[in-house]
N, C-alpha and C. Protein backbone atom coordinates (compact mmCIF):
# COMPACT_ATOMS: atom_id res chain seq x y z
N MET A 1 0.86 -1.18 0.00
CA MET A 1 0.00 0.00 0.00
C MET A 1 0.91 1.24 0.00
N ASP A 2 0.71 2.12 -0.96
CA ASP A 2 1.54 3.32 -1.02
C ASP A 2 0.96 4.43 -0.13
N GLU A 3 1.70 5.53 -0.02
CA GLU A 3 1.32 6.61 0.89
C GLU A 3 -0.05 7.21 0.55
N GLN A 4 -0.34 7.33 -0.74
CA GLN A 4 -1.63 7.91 -1.13
C GLN A 4 -2.79 6.99 -0.71
N GLU A 5 -2.60 5.70 -0.86
CA GLU A 5 -3.64 4.76 -0.45
C GLU A 5 -3.85 4.80 1.07
N LYS A 6 -2.77 4.97 1.82
CA LYS A 6 -2.89 5.04 3.28
C LYS A 6 -3.74 6.24 3.71
N THR A 7 -3.57 7.37 3.05
CA THR A 7 -4.31 8.56 3.45
C THR A 7 -5.80 8.43 3.15
N ILE A 8 -6.16 7.59 2.20
CA ILE A 8 -7.58 7.36 1.89
C ILE A 8 -8.29 6.74 3.09
N PHE A 9 -7.59 5.87 3.81
CA PHE A 9 -8.18 5.16 4.94
C PHE A 9 -8.01 5.88 6.27
N MET A 10 -7.42 7.06 6.25
CA MET A 10 -7.22 7.82 7.48
C MET A 10 -8.52 8.52 7.88
N SER A 11 -8.72 8.63 9.17
CA SER A 11 -9.87 9.39 9.65
C SER A 11 -9.55 10.88 9.52
N GLU A 12 -10.55 11.68 9.67
CA GLU A 12 -10.35 13.14 9.62
C GLU A 12 -9.39 13.58 10.73
N GLN A 13 -9.52 12.98 11.88
CA GLN A 13 -8.65 13.31 13.02
C GLN A 13 -7.18 12.96 12.69
N GLU A 14 -6.95 11.82 12.06
CA GLU A 14 -5.59 11.43 11.68
C GLU A 14 -5.01 12.38 10.64
N ARG A 15 -5.83 12.78 9.67
CA ARG A 15 -5.36 13.73 8.65
C ARG A 15 -5.02 15.07 9.28
N THR A 16 -5.84 15.52 10.23
CA THR A 16 -5.58 16.79 10.91
C THR A 16 -4.29 16.72 11.70
N LEU A 17 -4.09 15.61 12.41
CA LEU A 17 -2.87 15.42 13.19
C LEU A 17 -1.64 15.39 12.28
N LEU A 18 -1.76 14.70 11.17
CA LEU A 18 -0.66 14.64 10.20
C LEU A 18 -0.32 16.03 9.68
N TYR A 19 -1.34 16.80 9.33
CA TYR A 19 -1.14 18.16 8.83
C TYR A 19 -0.47 19.04 9.89
N LYS A 20 -0.98 18.97 11.12
CA LYS A 20 -0.46 19.83 12.18
C LYS A 20 0.97 19.47 12.56
N THR A 21 1.26 18.17 12.69
CA THR A 21 2.64 17.79 13.03
C THR A 21 3.60 18.14 11.91
N SER A 22 3.16 17.98 10.67
CA SER A 22 4.02 18.36 9.55
C SER A 22 4.27 19.86 9.54
N SER A 23 3.27 20.64 9.89
CA SER A 23 3.43 22.10 9.95
C SER A 23 4.39 22.51 11.06
N ILE A 24 4.21 21.92 12.23
CA ILE A 24 5.06 22.27 13.37
C ILE A 24 6.51 21.87 13.13
N LEU A 25 6.71 20.66 12.62
CA LEU A 25 8.07 20.15 12.43
C LEU A 25 8.67 20.57 11.09
N ARG A 26 7.84 21.15 10.24
CA ARG A 26 8.26 21.61 8.91
C ARG A 26 8.88 20.48 8.09
N LYS A 27 8.24 19.31 8.16
CA LYS A 27 8.67 18.16 7.35
C LYS A 27 7.50 17.20 7.20
N ASP A 28 7.64 16.28 6.26
CA ASP A 28 6.60 15.28 6.03
C ASP A 28 6.65 14.24 7.14
N THR A 29 5.64 14.22 7.99
CA THR A 29 5.63 13.27 9.10
C THR A 29 4.89 11.98 8.77
N SER A 30 4.37 11.87 7.57
CA SER A 30 3.61 10.67 7.20
C SER A 30 4.49 9.43 7.14
N ILE A 31 5.77 9.61 6.96
CA ILE A 31 6.69 8.47 6.88
C ILE A 31 7.43 8.23 8.17
N MET A 32 7.17 9.03 9.19
CA MET A 32 7.86 8.92 10.47
C MET A 32 7.08 8.01 11.43
N SER A 33 7.81 7.36 12.32
CA SER A 33 7.14 6.57 13.35
C SER A 33 6.57 7.53 14.40
N LEU A 34 5.59 7.06 15.13
CA LEU A 34 4.97 7.88 16.16
C LEU A 34 6.01 8.30 17.21
N ASN A 35 6.89 7.41 17.59
CA ASN A 35 7.92 7.74 18.57
C ASN A 35 8.83 8.86 18.07
N ASP A 36 9.21 8.82 16.80
CA ASP A 36 10.05 9.87 16.23
C ASP A 36 9.33 11.21 16.21
N ILE A 37 8.05 11.19 15.88
CA ILE A 37 7.26 12.43 15.87
C ILE A 37 7.20 13.02 17.27
N ILE A 38 6.92 12.17 18.25
CA ILE A 38 6.82 12.64 19.64
C ILE A 38 8.16 13.20 20.10
N GLU A 39 9.24 12.51 19.79
CA GLU A 39 10.57 12.97 20.18
C GLU A 39 10.88 14.35 19.58
N GLU A 40 10.57 14.54 18.33
CA GLU A 40 10.83 15.83 17.69
C GLU A 40 9.92 16.92 18.23
N LEU A 41 8.65 16.59 18.52
CA LEU A 41 7.74 17.58 19.11
C LEU A 41 8.22 18.00 20.49
N VAL A 42 8.70 17.05 21.28
CA VAL A 42 9.25 17.38 22.61
C VAL A 42 10.43 18.32 22.46
N HIS A 43 11.29 18.05 21.50
CA HIS A 43 12.45 18.92 21.27
C HIS A 43 12.01 20.34 20.90
N VAL A 44 11.01 20.46 20.04
CA VAL A 44 10.50 21.77 19.64
C VAL A 44 9.92 22.50 20.85
N ILE A 45 9.17 21.80 21.68
CA ILE A 45 8.56 22.41 22.86
C ILE A 45 9.64 22.85 23.84
N GLU A 46 10.63 21.99 24.07
CA GLU A 46 11.72 22.35 24.98
C GLU A 46 12.49 23.56 24.48
N SER A 47 12.74 23.61 23.19
CA SER A 47 13.46 24.76 22.60
C SER A 47 12.65 26.04 22.77
N LYS A 48 11.35 25.95 22.52
CA LYS A 48 10.47 27.12 22.65
C LYS A 48 10.43 27.59 24.10
N THR A 49 10.33 26.66 25.03
CA THR A 49 10.29 26.99 26.45
C THR A 49 11.60 27.67 26.87
N LYS A 50 12.71 27.15 26.40
CA LYS A 50 14.01 27.74 26.72
C LYS A 50 14.12 29.15 26.15
N ASP A 51 13.68 29.33 24.91
CA ASP A 51 13.71 30.66 24.28
C ASP A 51 12.84 31.65 25.05
N ASP A 52 11.67 31.19 25.49
CA ASP A 52 10.75 32.06 26.25
C ASP A 52 11.37 32.46 27.58
N ARG A 53 12.02 31.53 28.25
CA ARG A 53 12.67 31.83 29.53
C ARG A 53 13.79 32.86 29.35
N LEU A 54 14.57 32.69 28.30
CA LEU A 54 15.65 33.64 28.02
C LEU A 54 15.10 35.03 27.73
N ALA A 55 14.02 35.08 26.98
CA ALA A 55 13.40 36.37 26.66
C ALA A 55 12.86 37.04 27.92
N ASP A 56 12.26 36.25 28.83
CA ASP A 56 11.75 36.79 30.08
C ASP A 56 12.89 37.33 30.94
N GLN A 57 14.01 36.65 30.95
CA GLN A 57 15.16 37.11 31.75
C GLN A 57 15.72 38.42 31.20
N GLU A 58 15.71 38.58 29.89
CA GLU A 58 16.22 39.80 29.27
C GLU A 58 15.32 41.00 29.60
N LEU A 59 14.04 40.76 29.81
CA LEU A 59 13.11 41.84 30.11
C LEU A 59 13.24 42.33 31.56
N LYS A 60 13.81 41.50 32.41
CA LYS A 60 13.93 41.86 33.85
C LYS A 60 15.10 42.77 34.10
């Protein structure tokens, strides 16, 4: 089954999740394992949190 056939059988929720994770990570997540997606999302969140903390410290 190719990638296009897989998306035919996806629910609307799965398609939305695929779109959102691809947007956040700026890459095609349809070929990634769930663990890899989660790992990269955690990294993005941690980076954002660190950047926000640094910005808050600069304002003080």
